[in-house]
């Protein structure tokens, strides 16, 4: 089946009986062009009849920039929370006429990717060198560095991770636990999130005069998780902060496999409040990061950086995460 040809401004001009330049003047609202109202109406009627949509490439050439926002994501496991963030950010910016293109970090260099797309803004959830960021800015691209790997950069995502770890520790300690463990992920690609969360748990314990958390790696495997649960119990640990809900659910399975129960033998708290958390056995206590709020803050940062008058003017809260208490603690 032959592929349908894209309708161009030449087709609109032919249908309306005017020049292509006149079509461009009308559709782009070019000032100081004396074009009769009847001609304008004829051109708009031709646009509607033919289903013409302006070329993004042509618009980029005309304006000197595109309406594209490049969301650069690190090559890490993308769970439901990350997908939720991408969906909210895409919708938020879409309402302001900006198109989000998401790319997962791969063998292709960041430099060639952003140069090809010529985006109005780049939101990085991946390590990008200072040199690349400087090149982007020099080219007029606004950069929101959500990865937080350099001083003085916006750090929307990772800045709250320490507090999330503190929230986990504070909740368990408030329940009377004085010896806390930390269930670390087996995937080294998530260290950018794991390190600050663990730092928050350590701070929470130190502030209460408690020993630092006992850290053990917990793969997504019931037998390995069972071994970790037994080891924690042997050293007197009574509660565990898990890196995220997936690790926490694996640990709960390991607790059952070890012949133990939660929270009587080992209380467990996760992070993310994924849909399956409420169906864990027992239902999982966790931290909800509210990705819709994170996405709104990112969108606002992009809009402000682009000088858009529709950007939100009120300051966002320092952290929108909330504790969701269920039976695992």
Protein backbone atom coordinates (compact mmCIF):
# COMPACT_ATOMS: atom_id res chain seq x y z
CA UNK A 1 0.00 0.00 0.00
CA UNK A 2 1.43 3.37 -1.04
CA UNK A 3 2.30 5.74 1.76
CA UNK A 4 0.18 8.91 1.82
CA UNK A 5 2.10 12.03 0.79
CA UNK A 6 2.38 14.78 3.38
CA UNK A 7 0.32 17.88 2.58
CA UNK A 8 2.62 20.90 2.19
CA UNK A 9 2.19 24.66 2.09
CA UNK A 10 2.55 24.42 -1.69
CA UNK A 11 -0.65 22.35 -1.79
CA UNK A 12 -2.42 24.91 0.40
CA UNK A 13 -1.27 27.73 -1.88
CA UNK A 14 -2.52 25.88 -4.96
CA UNK A 15 -5.90 25.15 -3.35
CA UNK A 16 -6.35 28.75 -2.22
CA UNK A 17 -5.06 30.25 -5.47
CA UNK A 18 -2.32 32.30 -3.81
CA UNK A 19 1.46 32.20 -3.55
CA UNK A 20 3.31 30.03 -1.05
CA UNK A 21 4.73 33.20 0.51
CA UNK A 22 1.20 34.49 1.15
CA UNK A 23 0.31 31.21 2.87
CA UNK A 24 3.39 31.56 5.07
CA UNK A 25 2.53 35.17 5.95
CA UNK A 26 -1.00 34.25 6.98
CA UNK A 27 -0.27 31.07 8.93
CA UNK A 28 2.65 32.64 10.78
CA UNK A 29 0.84 35.92 11.46
CA UNK A 30 3.72 37.90 9.96
CA UNK A 31 3.22 41.58 10.83
CA UNK A 32 3.12 44.46 8.34
CA UNK A 33 1.72 42.31 5.52
CA UNK A 34 -1.43 43.77 3.93
CA UNK A 35 -3.45 40.68 3.05
CA UNK A 36 -7.18 40.92 2.43
CA UNK A 37 -9.46 39.24 4.94
CA UNK A 38 -11.11 37.24 2.15
CA UNK A 39 -7.70 35.86 1.16
CA UNK A 40 -6.97 34.92 4.77
CA UNK A 41 -10.28 33.07 5.06
CA UNK A 42 -9.61 31.24 1.78
CA UNK A 43 -6.22 30.08 3.02
CA UNK A 44 -7.62 28.85 6.36
CA UNK A 45 -10.39 27.03 4.49
CA UNK A 46 -7.77 25.31 2.30
CA UNK A 47 -5.78 24.32 5.41
CA UNK A 48 -8.87 22.72 6.96
CA UNK A 49 -9.91 20.99 3.74
CA UNK A 50 -6.49 19.47 3.08
CA UNK A 51 -5.67 18.69 6.72
CA UNK A 52 -2.43 20.64 6.56
CA UNK A 53 -0.17 20.72 9.63
CA UNK A 54 3.00 22.86 9.63
CA UNK A 55 6.29 21.00 9.47
CA UNK A 56 8.16 20.95 12.77
CA UNK A 57 11.43 21.21 10.85
CA UNK A 58 10.22 24.28 8.99
CA UNK A 59 9.03 25.85 12.22
CA UNK A 60 12.45 25.24 13.76
CA UNK A 61 14.16 26.98 10.86
CA UNK A 62 11.77 29.91 11.10
CA UNK A 63 12.00 30.42 14.86
CA UNK A 64 15.62 29.37 15.33
CA UNK A 65 14.52 26.74 17.87
CA UNK A 66 12.09 23.85 18.10
CA UNK A 67 9.18 23.08 20.40
CA UNK A 68 10.91 19.85 21.43
CA UNK A 69 11.95 19.01 24.98
CA UNK A 70 14.47 16.17 25.05
CA UNK A 71 14.09 13.97 28.12
CA UNK A 72 17.35 12.05 28.44
CA UNK A 73 17.00 9.01 30.71
CA UNK A 74 19.87 6.95 32.10
CA UNK A 75 20.11 3.29 31.19
CA UNK A 76 18.51 2.11 34.44
CA UNK A 77 15.51 -0.14 35.14
CA UNK A 78 12.37 1.88 34.40
CA UNK A 79 9.69 0.78 36.81
CA UNK A 80 6.14 2.06 37.12
CA UNK A 81 7.28 5.16 39.03
CA UNK A 82 9.64 6.29 36.25
CA UNK A 83 6.99 5.62 33.62
CA UNK A 84 4.50 7.66 35.65
CA UNK A 85 6.95 10.56 35.79
CA UNK A 86 7.51 10.47 32.03
CA UNK A 87 3.76 10.35 31.36
CA UNK A 88 3.02 13.31 33.66
CA UNK A 89 5.89 15.41 32.28
CA UNK A 90 4.85 14.69 28.69
CA UNK A 91 1.25 15.69 29.46
CA UNK A 92 2.22 18.81 31.45
CA UNK A 93 4.49 20.20 28.75
CA UNK A 94 2.11 19.11 26.00
CA UNK A 95 -0.51 21.45 27.43
CA UNK A 96 1.92 24.28 26.73
CA UNK A 97 2.61 23.28 23.14
CA UNK A 98 5.88 21.49 23.86
CA UNK A 99 6.60 17.97 22.61
CA UNK A 100 8.62 15.65 24.86
CA UNK A 101 10.91 13.16 23.18
CA UNK A 102 12.28 10.54 25.57
CA UNK A 103 15.58 8.83 24.84
CA UNK A 104 17.30 6.22 26.97
CA UNK A 105 21.06 6.66 27.19
CA UNK A 106 22.76 4.33 24.73
CA UNK A 107 25.90 4.11 22.65
CA UNK A 108 24.94 7.26 20.78
CA UNK A 109 26.63 10.32 22.20
CA UNK A 110 24.57 13.02 23.85
CA UNK A 111 26.24 15.65 21.67
CA UNK A 112 25.05 14.15 18.39
CA UNK A 113 21.55 13.50 19.76
CA UNK A 114 20.75 17.02 20.91
CA UNK A 115 22.35 18.60 17.85
CA UNK A 116 20.16 16.50 15.55
CA UNK A 117 16.97 17.35 17.46
CA UNK A 118 17.81 21.01 18.20
CA UNK A 119 15.51 20.97 21.27
CA UNK A 120 14.30 24.07 23.06
CA UNK A 121 15.20 22.38 26.34
CA UNK A 122 16.87 19.24 27.67
CA UNK A 123 15.89 17.51 30.92
CA UNK A 124 18.62 15.09 31.96
CA UNK A 125 18.03 12.02 34.07
CA UNK A 126 21.40 10.73 32.94
CA UNK A 127 25.02 11.75 33.49
CA UNK A 128 25.90 14.52 31.03
CA UNK A 129 29.34 16.12 31.06
CA UNK A 130 29.76 19.77 32.00
CA UNK A 131 31.21 20.34 28.53
CA UNK A 132 28.08 18.97 26.84
CA UNK A 133 25.83 21.04 29.08
CA UNK A 134 27.87 24.16 28.30
CA UNK A 135 27.59 23.43 24.56
CA UNK A 136 23.81 23.05 24.86
CA UNK A 137 23.45 26.35 26.67
CA UNK A 138 25.75 28.12 24.21
CA UNK A 139 23.44 26.93 21.43
CA UNK A 140 20.41 28.41 23.21
CA UNK A 141 19.08 25.15 24.68
CA UNK A 142 17.85 25.40 28.26
CA UNK A 143 19.14 22.55 30.46
CA UNK A 144 17.45 21.11 33.55
CA UNK A 145 19.96 18.80 35.20
CA UNK A 146 17.71 16.48 37.21
CA UNK A 147 20.55 13.97 37.63
CA UNK A 148 22.21 16.35 40.07
CA UNK A 149 25.83 15.51 39.38
CA UNK A 150 27.30 18.97 39.66
CA UNK A 151 27.18 21.88 42.10
CA UNK A 152 24.81 24.72 41.41
CA UNK A 153 22.63 22.71 39.02
CA UNK A 154 18.89 22.14 39.47
CA UNK A 155 18.53 18.75 41.13
CA UNK A 156 14.79 18.09 41.06
CA UNK A 157 14.78 14.30 41.38
CA UNK A 158 17.72 13.38 43.59
CA UNK A 159 17.57 16.25 46.06
CA UNK A 160 14.71 14.56 47.97
CA UNK A 161 16.25 11.10 48.12
CA UNK A 162 18.13 11.75 51.37
CA UNK A 163 14.92 12.92 52.99
CA UNK A 164 13.13 9.79 51.75
CA UNK A 165 15.72 7.65 53.53
CA UNK A 166 15.26 9.78 56.65
CA UNK A 167 11.48 9.27 56.44
CA UNK A 168 11.96 5.49 56.28
CA UNK A 169 14.29 5.45 59.28
CA UNK A 170 12.17 7.87 61.31
CA UNK A 171 9.07 5.74 60.83
CA UNK A 172 10.76 2.52 61.93
CA UNK A 173 12.45 4.17 64.90
CA UNK A 174 9.13 5.72 65.95
CA UNK A 175 7.79 2.16 66.15
CA UNK A 176 10.44 1.30 68.72
CA UNK A 177 13.08 -0.34 66.49
CA UNK A 178 16.65 0.37 67.58
CA UNK A 179 18.56 -1.91 65.17
CA UNK A 180 17.78 -1.19 61.52
CA UNK A 181 18.86 -2.90 58.32
CA UNK A 182 19.02 -1.61 54.75
CA UNK A 183 18.05 -3.79 51.77
CA UNK A 184 20.24 -2.64 48.90
CA UNK A 185 19.42 -3.29 45.22
CA UNK A 186 21.48 -5.79 43.26
CA UNK A 187 21.57 -3.60 40.11
CA UNK A 188 24.55 -1.19 40.22
CA UNK A 189 22.89 1.11 37.67
CA UNK A 190 20.67 2.65 40.37
CA UNK A 191 23.51 3.89 42.59
CA UNK A 192 22.58 7.52 41.92
CA UNK A 193 19.36 6.91 43.87
CA UNK A 194 20.55 4.19 46.24
CA UNK A 195 23.45 6.19 47.71
CA UNK A 196 21.44 9.23 48.89
CA UNK A 197 18.58 7.07 50.22
CA UNK A 198 21.02 5.02 52.29
CA UNK A 199 22.69 8.25 53.44
CA UNK A 200 19.30 9.43 54.70
CA UNK A 201 18.77 6.21 56.68
CA UNK A 202 22.24 6.56 58.18
CA UNK A 203 21.50 10.17 59.18
CA UNK A 204 18.23 9.13 60.79
CA UNK A 205 19.95 6.46 62.88
CA UNK A 206 22.85 8.75 63.85
CA UNK A 207 20.52 11.53 64.96
CA UNK A 208 18.79 9.12 67.36
CA UNK A 209 22.08 7.78 68.71
CA UNK A 210 21.53 4.38 67.06
CA UNK A 211 24.12 2.25 65.25
CA UNK A 212 24.31 2.62 61.46
CA UNK A 213 22.06 0.36 59.40
CA UNK A 214 23.25 -3.12 58.55
CA UNK A 215 23.43 -3.12 54.74
CA UNK A 216 22.76 -6.30 52.76
CA UNK A 217 22.12 -6.76 49.08
CA UNK A 218 18.71 -8.26 48.35
CA UNK A 219 18.25 -9.56 44.79
CA UNK A 220 14.77 -10.13 43.41
CA UNK A 221 14.96 -13.76 44.50
CA UNK A 222 13.10 -15.33 47.43
CA UNK A 223 15.91 -17.69 48.42
CA UNK A 224 18.54 -14.94 48.48
CA UNK A 225 16.13 -12.66 50.33
CA UNK A 226 15.51 -15.46 52.85
CA UNK A 227 19.24 -15.69 53.53
CA UNK A 228 19.39 -11.94 54.13
CA UNK A 229 16.37 -12.05 56.47
CA UNK A 230 17.92 -14.80 58.58
CA UNK A 231 21.24 -12.93 58.75
CA UNK A 232 19.55 -9.74 59.91
CA UNK A 233 17.63 -11.56 62.60
CA UNK A 234 20.83 -13.27 63.78
CA UNK A 235 22.47 -9.89 64.38
CA UNK A 236 19.46 -8.39 66.14
CA UNK A 237 17.98 -6.33 63.31
CA UNK A 238 14.19 -5.99 63.74
CA UNK A 239 13.30 -3.64 60.86
CA UNK A 240 14.58 -3.01 57.34
CA UNK A 241 14.44 -0.02 55.00
CA UNK A 242 14.32 -1.32 51.42
CA UNK A 243 15.69 0.64 48.47
CA UNK A 244 12.31 0.47 46.73
CA UNK A 245 9.07 -1.47 46.75
CA UNK A 246 10.33 -4.22 44.45
CA UNK A 247 13.21 -4.99 46.79
CA UNK A 248 10.81 -4.75 49.75
CA UNK A 249 8.34 -7.23 48.22
CA UNK A 250 11.22 -9.65 47.51
CA UNK A 251 12.31 -9.30 51.13
CA UNK A 252 8.78 -10.02 52.39
CA UNK A 253 8.82 -13.21 50.30
CA UNK A 254 12.19 -14.06 51.85
CA UNK A 255 10.82 -13.44 55.35
CA UNK A 256 8.04 -15.96 54.72
CA UNK A 257 10.47 -18.46 53.19
CA UNK A 258 12.64 -18.19 56.29
CA UNK A 259 9.69 -19.12 58.49
CA UNK A 260 9.48 -15.60 59.88
CA UNK A 261 6.68 -13.04 59.76
CA UNK A 262 6.41 -9.31 59.12
CA UNK A 263 6.27 -7.14 61.09
CA UNK A 264 6.56 -9.38 64.19
CA UNK A 265 10.03 -10.69 63.29
CA UNK A 266 11.14 -8.17 60.69
CA UNK A 267 9.32 -4.95 59.80
CA UNK A 268 9.81 -3.76 56.20
CA UNK A 269 9.32 -0.37 54.53
CA UNK A 270 9.76 0.41 50.83
CA UNK A 271 9.76 3.42 48.50
CA UNK A 272 7.52 4.35 45.54
CA UNK A 273 4.06 2.98 46.47
CA UNK A 274 3.85 0.92 43.30
CA UNK A 275 0.42 -0.58 42.50
CA UNK A 276 1.47 -4.01 43.81
CA UNK A 277 2.54 -2.64 47.22
CA UNK A 278 -0.99 -2.83 48.62
CA UNK A 279 -1.27 -6.47 47.48
CA UNK A 280 1.98 -7.61 49.12
CA UNK A 281 1.73 -10.05 52.04
CA UNK A 282 1.44 -8.25 54.35
CA UNK A 283 0.53 -4.99 52.53
CA UNK A 284 3.64 -2.87 52.29
CA UNK A 285 4.33 0.35 54.18
CA UNK A 286 6.11 2.70 51.78
CA UNK A 287 6.97 6.26 50.74
CA UNK A 288 4.92 7.82 47.94
CA UNK A 289 7.10 10.26 45.97
CA UNK A 290 4.11 11.77 44.11
CA UNK A 291 5.52 11.75 40.60
CA UNK A 292 2.82 14.14 39.41
CA UNK A 293 4.30 16.82 41.70
CA UNK A 294 7.87 16.06 40.57
CA UNK A 295 6.75 16.28 36.92
CA UNK A 296 4.98 19.59 37.57
CA UNK A 297 8.14 21.01 39.10
CA UNK A 298 10.22 19.85 36.15
CA UNK A 299 7.70 21.30 33.69
CA UNK A 300 7.74 24.59 35.58
CA UNK A 301 11.55 24.67 35.46
CA UNK A 302 11.45 24.17 31.68
CA UNK A 303 8.79 26.85 31.15
CA UNK A 304 10.63 29.38 33.30
CA UNK A 305 13.90 28.60 31.51
CA UNK A 306 12.22 29.25 28.17
CA UNK A 307 10.84 32.54 29.41
CA UNK A 308 7.25 31.38 29.16
CA UNK A 309 4.71 33.61 30.90
CA UNK A 310 2.55 30.57 31.70
CA UNK A 311 5.13 29.15 34.13
CA UNK A 312 4.01 28.66 37.71
CA UNK A 313 5.13 31.50 39.95
CA UNK A 314 4.64 29.96 43.39
CA UNK A 315 7.62 28.18 44.91
CA UNK A 316 7.25 24.37 45.02
CA UNK A 317 7.49 22.58 48.36
CA UNK A 318 10.86 21.14 49.34
CA UNK A 319 9.52 17.60 49.21
CA UNK A 320 6.09 16.23 48.41
CA UNK A 321 6.81 12.65 49.54
CA UNK A 322 4.39 11.15 52.05
CA UNK A 323 4.40 8.08 54.26
CA UNK A 324 1.85 5.37 53.42
CA UNK A 325 1.42 3.09 56.43
CA UNK A 326 0.26 -0.50 55.90
CA UNK A 327 0.68 -3.73 57.86
CA UNK A 328 4.34 -4.54 57.03
CA UNK A 329 5.53 -2.22 59.82
